[in-house]
């Protein structure tokens, strides 16, 4: 299974699930933000040191740290 970091910038992909290895608090927060199965998501940009990512989801843009983005598993 691929995570969201494996996708090129600007390409839409579909969320499959949140990793079972993610801490429960992070998993709950991602689900509350709308990272649910079947949603389209894309990476818009990243910070200079590649530690934070701009992500578009459900018509809004948010910033997440690299370690949190790695828990989002996608379908190609």
PDB file of N, CA and C in Angstrom:
ATOM      1  N   UNK A   1       0.847  -1.177   0.000  1.00  0.00           N
ATOM      2  CA  UNK A   1       0.000   0.000   0.000  1.00  0.00           C
ATOM      3  C   UNK A   1       0.891   1.239   0.000  1.00  0.00           C
ATOM      4  N   UNK A   2       0.543   2.203  -0.820  1.00  0.00           N
ATOM      5  CA  UNK A   2       1.320   3.441  -0.923  1.00  0.00           C
ATOM      6  C   UNK A   2       0.753   4.494   0.014  1.00  0.00           C
ATOM      7  N   UNK A   3       1.629   5.369   0.500  1.00  0.00           N
ATOM      8  CA  UNK A   3       1.137   6.488   1.295  1.00  0.00           C
ATOM      9  C   UNK A   3       1.148   7.755   0.447  1.00  0.00           C
ATOM     10  N   UNK A   4       0.610   8.812   0.976  1.00  0.00           N
ATOM     11  CA  UNK A   4       0.429  10.053   0.226  1.00  0.00           C
ATOM     12  C   UNK A   4       1.754  10.689  -0.177  1.00  0.00           C
ATOM     13  N   UNK A   5       2.842  10.375   0.509  1.00  0.00           N
ATOM     14  CA  UNK A   5       4.144  10.941   0.168  1.00  0.00           C
ATOM     15  C   UNK A   5       4.695  10.374  -1.138  1.00  0.00           C
ATOM     16  N   UNK A   6       4.180   9.228  -1.600  1.00  0.00           N
ATOM     17  CA  UNK A   6       4.668   8.585  -2.816  1.00  0.00           C
ATOM     18  C   UNK A   6       4.102   9.198  -4.091  1.00  0.00           C
ATOM     19  N   UNK A   7       3.162  10.129  -3.961  1.00  0.00           N
ATOM     20  CA  UNK A   7       2.487  10.722  -5.123  1.00  0.00           C
ATOM     21  C   UNK A   7       3.180  12.016  -5.518  1.00  0.00           C
ATOM     22  N   UNK A   8       3.252  12.261  -6.836  1.00  0.00           N
ATOM     23  CA  UNK A   8       3.832  13.516  -7.314  1.00  0.00           C
ATOM     24  C   UNK A   8       2.945  14.685  -6.931  1.00  0.00           C
ATOM     25  N   UNK A   9       3.558  15.824  -6.804  1.00  0.00           N
ATOM     26  CA  UNK A   9       2.838  17.051  -6.453  1.00  0.00           C
ATOM     27  C   UNK A   9       1.834  17.407  -7.544  1.00  0.00           C
ATOM     28  N   UNK A  10       0.591  17.715  -7.149  1.00  0.00           N
ATOM     29  CA  UNK A  10      -0.445  18.142  -8.072  1.00  0.00           C
ATOM     30  C   UNK A  10      -1.319  17.036  -8.622  1.00  0.00           C
ATOM     31  N   UNK A  11      -1.002  15.784  -8.353  1.00  0.00           N
ATOM     32  CA  UNK A  11      -1.770  14.646  -8.870  1.00  0.00           C
ATOM     33  C   UNK A  11      -2.823  14.229  -7.844  1.00  0.00           C
ATOM     34  N   UNK A  12      -4.084  14.091  -8.303  1.00  0.00           N
ATOM     35  CA  UNK A  12      -5.149  13.639  -7.414  1.00  0.00           C
ATOM     36  C   UNK A  12      -5.046  12.138  -7.201  1.00  0.00           C
ATOM     37  N   UNK A  13      -5.359  11.699  -6.000  1.00  0.00           N
ATOM     38  CA  UNK A  13      -5.433  10.278  -5.682  1.00  0.00           C
ATOM     39  C   UNK A  13      -6.575  10.072  -4.697  1.00  0.00           C
ATOM     40  N   UNK A  14      -6.939   8.830  -4.477  1.00  0.00           N
ATOM     41  CA  UNK A  14      -8.064   8.481  -3.616  1.00  0.00           C
ATOM     42  C   UNK A  14      -7.552   7.858  -2.321  1.00  0.00           C
ATOM     43  N   UNK A  15      -8.103   8.310  -1.216  1.00  0.00           N
ATOM     44  CA  UNK A  15      -7.706   7.781   0.093  1.00  0.00           C
ATOM     45  C   UNK A  15      -8.296   6.381   0.273  1.00  0.00           C
ATOM     46  N   UNK A  16      -7.455   5.450   0.691  1.00  0.00           N
ATOM     47  CA  UNK A  16      -7.908   4.097   0.969  1.00  0.00           C
ATOM     48  C   UNK A  16      -8.198   3.932   2.463  1.00  0.00           C
ATOM     49  N   UNK A  17      -7.245   4.324   3.309  1.00  0.00           N
ATOM     50  CA  UNK A  17      -7.431   4.213   4.764  1.00  0.00           C
ATOM     51  C   UNK A  17      -6.337   4.974   5.486  1.00  0.00           C
ATOM     52  N   UNK A  18      -6.481   5.076   6.786  1.00  0.00           N
ATOM     53  CA  UNK A  18      -5.426   5.598   7.658  1.00  0.00           C
ATOM     54  C   UNK A  18      -4.685   4.383   8.212  1.00  0.00           C
ATOM     55  N   UNK A  19      -3.381   4.449   8.230  1.00  0.00           N
ATOM     56  CA  UNK A  19      -2.563   3.308   8.635  1.00  0.00           C
ATOM     57  C   UNK A  19      -2.926   2.812  10.037  1.00  0.00           C
ATOM     58  N   UNK A  20      -2.874   1.504  10.218  1.00  0.00           N
ATOM     59  CA  UNK A  20      -3.165   0.932  11.533  1.00  0.00           C
ATOM     60  C   UNK A  20      -2.021   1.181  12.514  1.00  0.00           C
ATOM     61  N   UNK A  21      -0.872   1.626  12.019  1.00  0.00           N
ATOM     62  CA  UNK A  21       0.272   1.932  12.879  1.00  0.00           C
ATOM     63  C   UNK A  21       0.255   3.362  13.409  1.00  0.00           C
ATOM     64  N   UNK A  22      -0.721   4.143  12.993  1.00  0.00           N
ATOM     65  CA  UNK A  22      -0.802   5.525  13.464  1.00  0.00           C
ATOM     66  C   UNK A  22      -1.311   5.556  14.905  1.00  0.00           C
ATOM     67  N   UNK A  23      -0.848   6.522  15.687  1.00  0.00           N
ATOM     68  CA  UNK A  23      -1.375   6.659  17.052  1.00  0.00           C
ATOM     69  C   UNK A  23      -2.878   6.955  17.016  1.00  0.00           C
ATOM     70  N   UNK A  24      -3.634   6.483  17.995  1.00  0.00           N
ATOM     71  CA  UNK A  24      -5.091   6.675  17.978  1.00  0.00           C
ATOM     72  C   UNK A  24      -5.516   8.141  17.916  1.00  0.00           C
ATOM     73  N   UNK A  25      -4.767   9.033  18.578  1.00  0.00           N
ATOM     74  CA  UNK A  25      -5.128  10.451  18.555  1.00  0.00           C
ATOM     75  C   UNK A  25      -4.966  11.041  17.156  1.00  0.00           C
ATOM     76  N   UNK A  26      -3.923  10.633  16.449  1.00  0.00           N
ATOM     77  CA  UNK A  26      -3.680  11.138  15.084  1.00  0.00           C
ATOM     78  C   UNK A  26      -4.735  10.580  14.137  1.00  0.00           C
ATOM     79  N   UNK A  27      -5.037   9.302  14.270  1.00  0.00           N
ATOM     80  CA  UNK A  27      -6.044   8.687  13.404  1.00  0.00           C
ATOM     81  C   UNK A  27      -7.393   9.374  13.584  1.00  0.00           C
ATOM     82  N   UNK A  28      -7.788   9.623  14.816  1.00  0.00           N
ATOM     83  CA  UNK A  28      -9.061  10.282  15.100  1.00  0.00           C
ATOM     84  C   UNK A  28      -9.095  11.700  14.519  1.00  0.00           C
ATOM     85  N   UNK A  29      -7.986  12.422  14.672  1.00  0.00           N
ATOM     86  CA  UNK A  29      -7.916  13.790  14.149  1.00  0.00           C
ATOM     87  C   UNK A  29      -7.990  13.814  12.620  1.00  0.00           C
ATOM     88  N   UNK A  30      -7.292  12.894  11.953  1.00  0.00           N
ATOM     89  CA  UNK A  30      -7.356  12.830  10.492  1.00  0.00           C
ATOM     90  C   UNK A  30      -8.772  12.502  10.015  1.00  0.00           C
ATOM     91  N   UNK A  31      -9.444  11.599  10.706  1.00  0.00           N
ATOM     92  CA  UNK A  31     -10.828  11.278  10.341  1.00  0.00           C
ATOM     93  C   UNK A  31     -11.739  12.475  10.567  1.00  0.00           C
ATOM     94  N   UNK A  32     -11.523  13.219  11.641  1.00  0.00           N
ATOM     95  CA  UNK A  32     -12.319  14.421  11.907  1.00  0.00           C
ATOM     96  C   UNK A  32     -12.095  15.494  10.846  1.00  0.00           C
ATOM     97  N   UNK A  33     -10.876  15.574  10.298  1.00  0.00           N
ATOM     98  CA  UNK A  33     -10.571  16.550   9.258  1.00  0.00           C
ATOM     99  C   UNK A  33     -11.158  16.159   7.900  1.00  0.00           C
ATOM    100  N   UNK A  34     -11.596  14.910   7.749  1.00  0.00           N
ATOM    101  CA  UNK A  34     -12.226  14.487   6.506  1.00  0.00           C
ATOM    102  C   UNK A  34     -11.420  13.513   5.676  1.00  0.00           C
ATOM    103  N   UNK A  35     -10.345  12.985   6.222  1.00  0.00           N
ATOM    104  CA  UNK A  35      -9.536  12.003   5.504  1.00  0.00           C
ATOM    105  C   UNK A  35     -10.191  10.623   5.632  1.00  0.00           C
ATOM    106  N   UNK A  36     -11.256  10.406   4.867  1.00  0.00           N
ATOM    107  CA  UNK A  36     -12.008   9.163   4.926  1.00  0.00           C
ATOM    108  C   UNK A  36     -11.874   8.408   3.607  1.00  0.00           C
ATOM    109  N   UNK A  37     -12.248   7.153   3.630  1.00  0.00           N
ATOM    110  CA  UNK A  37     -12.143   6.278   2.465  1.00  0.00           C
ATOM    111  C   UNK A  37     -12.915   6.860   1.280  1.00  0.00           C
ATOM    112  N   UNK A  38     -12.257   6.902   0.123  1.00  0.00           N
ATOM    113  CA  UNK A  38     -12.908   7.349  -1.097  1.00  0.00           C
ATOM    114  C   UNK A  38     -12.776   8.822  -1.414  1.00  0.00           C
ATOM    115  N   UNK A  39     -12.198   9.616  -0.534  1.00  0.00           N
ATOM    116  CA  UNK A  39     -12.048  11.058  -0.778  1.00  0.00           C
ATOM    117  C   UNK A  39     -10.848  11.321  -1.685  1.00  0.00           C
ATOM    118  N   UNK A  40     -11.001  12.287  -2.597  1.00  0.00           N
ATOM    119  CA  UNK A  40      -9.888  12.699  -3.453  1.00  0.00           C
ATOM    120  C   UNK A  40      -9.027  13.703  -2.707  1.00  0.00           C
ATOM    121  N   UNK A  41      -7.733  13.559  -2.864  1.00  0.00           N
ATOM    122  CA  UNK A  41      -6.770  14.399  -2.155  1.00  0.00           C
ATOM    123  C   UNK A  41      -5.578  14.630  -3.076  1.00  0.00           C
ATOM    124  N   UNK A  42      -4.894  15.762  -2.901  1.00  0.00           N
ATOM    125  CA  UNK A  42      -3.661  16.003  -3.643  1.00  0.00           C
ATOM    126  C   UNK A  42      -2.732  16.877  -2.825  1.00  0.00           C
ATOM    127  N   UNK A  43      -1.434  16.741  -3.094  1.00  0.00           N
ATOM    128  CA  UNK A  43      -0.423  17.576  -2.478  1.00  0.00           C
ATOM    129  C   UNK A  43      -0.215  18.775  -3.382  1.00  0.00           C
ATOM    130  N   UNK A  44      -0.403  19.962  -2.833  1.00  0.00           N
ATOM    131  CA  UNK A  44      -0.245  21.196  -3.600  1.00  0.00           C
ATOM    132  C   UNK A  44       1.193  21.696  -3.540  1.00  0.00           C
ATOM    133  N   UNK A  45       1.816  21.605  -2.384  1.00  0.00           N
ATOM    134  CA  UNK A  45       3.183  22.103  -2.227  1.00  0.00           C
ATOM    135  C   UNK A  45       3.815  21.548  -0.975  1.00  0.00           C
ATOM    136  N   UNK A  46       5.072  21.930  -0.788  1.00  0.00           N
ATOM    137  CA  UNK A  46       5.793  21.480   0.394  1.00  0.00           C
ATOM    138  C   UNK A  46       6.746  22.566   0.846  1.00  0.00           C
ATOM    139  N   UNK A  47       7.166  22.478   2.087  1.00  0.00           N
ATOM    140  CA  UNK A  47       8.095  23.471   2.621  1.00  0.00           C
ATOM    141  C   UNK A  47       9.490  23.249   2.031  1.00  0.00           C
ATOM    142  N   UNK A  48      10.365  24.196   2.243  1.00  0.00           N
ATOM    143  CA  UNK A  48      11.709  24.099   1.672  1.00  0.00           C
ATOM    144  C   UNK A  48      12.485  22.895   2.189  1.00  0.00           C
ATOM    145  N   UNK A  49      12.307  22.565   3.439  1.00  0.00           N
ATOM    146  CA  UNK A  49      13.000  21.415   4.019  1.00  0.00           C
ATOM    147  C   UNK A  49      12.196  20.122   3.923  1.00  0.00           C
ATOM    148  N   UNK A  50      11.054  20.164   3.248  1.00  0.00           N
ATOM    149  CA  UNK A  50      10.167  19.006   3.034  1.00  0.00           C
ATOM    150  C   UNK A  50       9.706  18.390   4.350  1.00  0.00           C
ATOM    151  N   UNK A  51       9.423  19.251   5.337  1.00  0.00           N
ATOM    152  CA  UNK A  51       8.921  18.771   6.617  1.00  0.00           C
ATOM    153  C   UNK A  51       7.434  19.031   6.785  1.00  0.00           C
ATOM    154  N   UNK A  52       6.849  19.856   5.904  1.00  0.00           N
ATOM    155  CA  UNK A  52       5.416  20.158   5.950  1.00  0.00           C
ATOM    156  C   UNK A  52       4.866  20.168   4.530  1.00  0.00           C
ATOM    157  N   UNK A  53       3.604  19.769   4.394  1.00  0.00           N
ATOM    158  CA  UNK A  53       2.970  19.665   3.085  1.00  0.00           C
ATOM    159  C   UNK A  53       1.648  20.403   3.069  1.00  0.00           C
ATOM    160  N   UNK A  54       1.364  21.074   1.946  1.00  0.00           N
ATOM    161  CA  UNK A  54       0.056  21.682   1.699  1.00  0.00           C
ATOM    162  C   UNK A  54      -0.795  20.639   0.995  1.00  0.00           C
ATOM    163  N   UNK A  55      -1.961  20.364   1.541  1.00  0.00           N
ATOM    164  CA  UNK A  55      -2.822  19.311   1.010  1.00  0.00           C
ATOM    165  C   UNK A  55      -4.204  19.883   0.742  1.00  0.00           C
ATOM    166  N   UNK A  56      -4.768  19.552  -0.436  1.00  0.00           N
ATOM    167  CA  UNK A  56      -6.136  19.945  -0.763  1.00  0.00           C
ATOM    168  C   UNK A  56      -7.046  18.745  -0.547  1.00  0.00           C
ATOM    169  N   UNK A  57      -8.120  18.963   0.215  1.00  0.00           N
ATOM    170  CA  UNK A  57      -9.076  17.917   0.545  1.00  0.00           C
ATOM    171  C   UNK A  57     -10.448  18.541   0.719  1.00  0.00           C
ATOM    172  N   UNK A  58     -11.441  18.022   0.023  1.00  0.00           N
ATOM    173  CA  UNK A  58     -12.829  18.483   0.151  1.00  0.00           C
ATOM    174  C   UNK A  58     -12.979  19.994  -0.050  1.00  0.00           C
ATOM    175  N   UNK A  59     -12.185  20.580  -0.937  1.00  0.00           N
ATOM    176  CA  UNK A  59     -12.322  21.993  -1.244  1.00  0.00           C
ATOM    177  C   UNK A  59     -11.594  22.935  -0.310  1.00  0.00           C
ATOM    178  N   UNK A  60     -10.850  22.439   0.641  1.00  0.00           N
ATOM    179  CA  UNK A  60     -10.068  23.317   1.496  1.00  0.00           C
ATOM    180  C   UNK A  60      -8.609  22.864   1.513  1.00  0.00           C
ATOM    181  N   UNK A  61      -7.744  23.747   1.936  1.00  0.00           N
ATOM    182  CA  UNK A  61      -6.305  23.483   1.944  1.00  0.00           C
ATOM    183  C   UNK A  61      -5.815  23.501   3.385  1.00  0.00           C
ATOM    184  N   UNK A  62      -5.021  22.502   3.737  1.00  0.00           N
ATOM    185  CA  UNK A  62      -4.467  22.450   5.082  1.00  0.00           C
ATOM    186  C   UNK A  62      -3.007  22.048   5.024  1.00  0.00           C
ATOM    187  N   UNK A  63      -2.313  22.264   6.101  1.00  0.00           N
ATOM    188  CA  UNK A  63      -0.900  21.930   6.212  1.00  0.00           C
ATOM    189  C   UNK A  63      -0.727  20.834   7.250  1.00  0.00           C
ATOM    190  N   UNK A  64       0.031  19.808   6.866  1.00  0.00           N
ATOM    191  CA  UNK A  64       0.326  18.704   7.781  1.00  0.00           C
ATOM    192  C   UNK A  64       1.818  18.409   7.761  1.00  0.00           C
ATOM    193  N   UNK A  65       2.340  17.939   8.884  1.00  0.00           N
ATOM    194  CA  UNK A  65       3.736  17.530   8.959  1.00  0.00           C
ATOM    195  C   UNK A  65       3.952  16.238   8.185  1.00  0.00           C
ATOM    196  N   UNK A  66       5.183  16.015   7.779  1.00  0.00           N
ATOM    197  CA  UNK A  66       5.535  14.854   6.960  1.00  0.00           C
ATOM    198  C   UNK A  66       5.205  13.541   7.669  1.00  0.00           C
ATOM    199  N   UNK A  67       5.476  13.447   8.958  1.00  0.00           N
ATOM    200  CA  UNK A  67       5.221  12.196   9.675  1.00  0.00           C
ATOM    201  C   UNK A  67       3.732  11.867   9.739  1.00  0.00           C
ATOM    202  N   UNK A  68       2.880  12.878   9.770  1.00  0.00           N
ATOM    203  CA  UNK A  68       1.440  12.642   9.790  1.00  0.00           C
ATOM    204  C   UNK A  68       0.930  12.270   8.401  1.00  0.00           C
ATOM    205  N   UNK A  69       1.464  12.907   7.369  1.00  0.00           N
ATOM    206  CA  UNK A  69       1.057  12.599   5.993  1.00  0.00           C
ATOM    207  C   UNK A  69       1.403  11.154   5.644  1.00  0.00           C
ATOM    208  N   UNK A  70       2.470  10.626   6.215  1.00  0.00           N
ATOM    209  CA  UNK A  70       2.875   9.257   5.896  1.00  0.00           C
ATOM    210  C   UNK A  70       1.872   8.212   6.386  1.00  0.00           C
ATOM    211  N   UNK A  71       0.974   8.573   7.304  1.00  0.00           N
ATOM    212  CA  UNK A  71      -0.045   7.635   7.774  1.00  0.00           C
ATOM    213  C   UNK A  71      -1.240   7.524   6.835  1.00  0.00           C
ATOM    214  N   UNK A  72      -1.359   8.404   5.835  1.00  0.00           N
ATOM    215  CA  UNK A  72      -2.492   8.397   4.920  1.00  0.00           C
ATOM    216  C   UNK A  72      -2.188   7.466   3.765  1.00  0.00           C
ATOM    217  N   UNK A  73      -2.902   6.355   3.687  1.00  0.00           N
ATOM    218  CA  UNK A  73      -2.678   5.361   2.641  1.00  0.00           C
ATOM    219  C   UNK A  73      -3.650   5.623   1.486  1.00  0.00           C
ATOM    220  N   UNK A  74      -3.147   5.481   0.252  1.00  0.00           N
ATOM    221  CA  UNK A  74      -3.921   5.853  -0.924  1.00  0.00           C
ATOM    222  C   UNK A  74      -4.010   4.717  -1.920  1.00  0.00           C
ATOM    223  N   UNK A  75      -4.934   4.865  -2.857  1.00  0.00           N
ATOM    224  CA  UNK A  75      -5.036   3.999  -4.037  1.00  0.00           C
ATOM    225  C   UNK A  75      -4.508   4.775  -5.220  1.00  0.00           C
ATOM    226  N   UNK A  76      -3.767   4.136  -6.079  1.00  0.00           N
ATOM    227  CA  UNK A  76      -3.243   4.837  -7.259  1.00  0.00           C
ATOM    228  C   UNK A  76      -4.252   4.820  -8.381  1.00  0.00           C
TER     229      UNK A  76
END
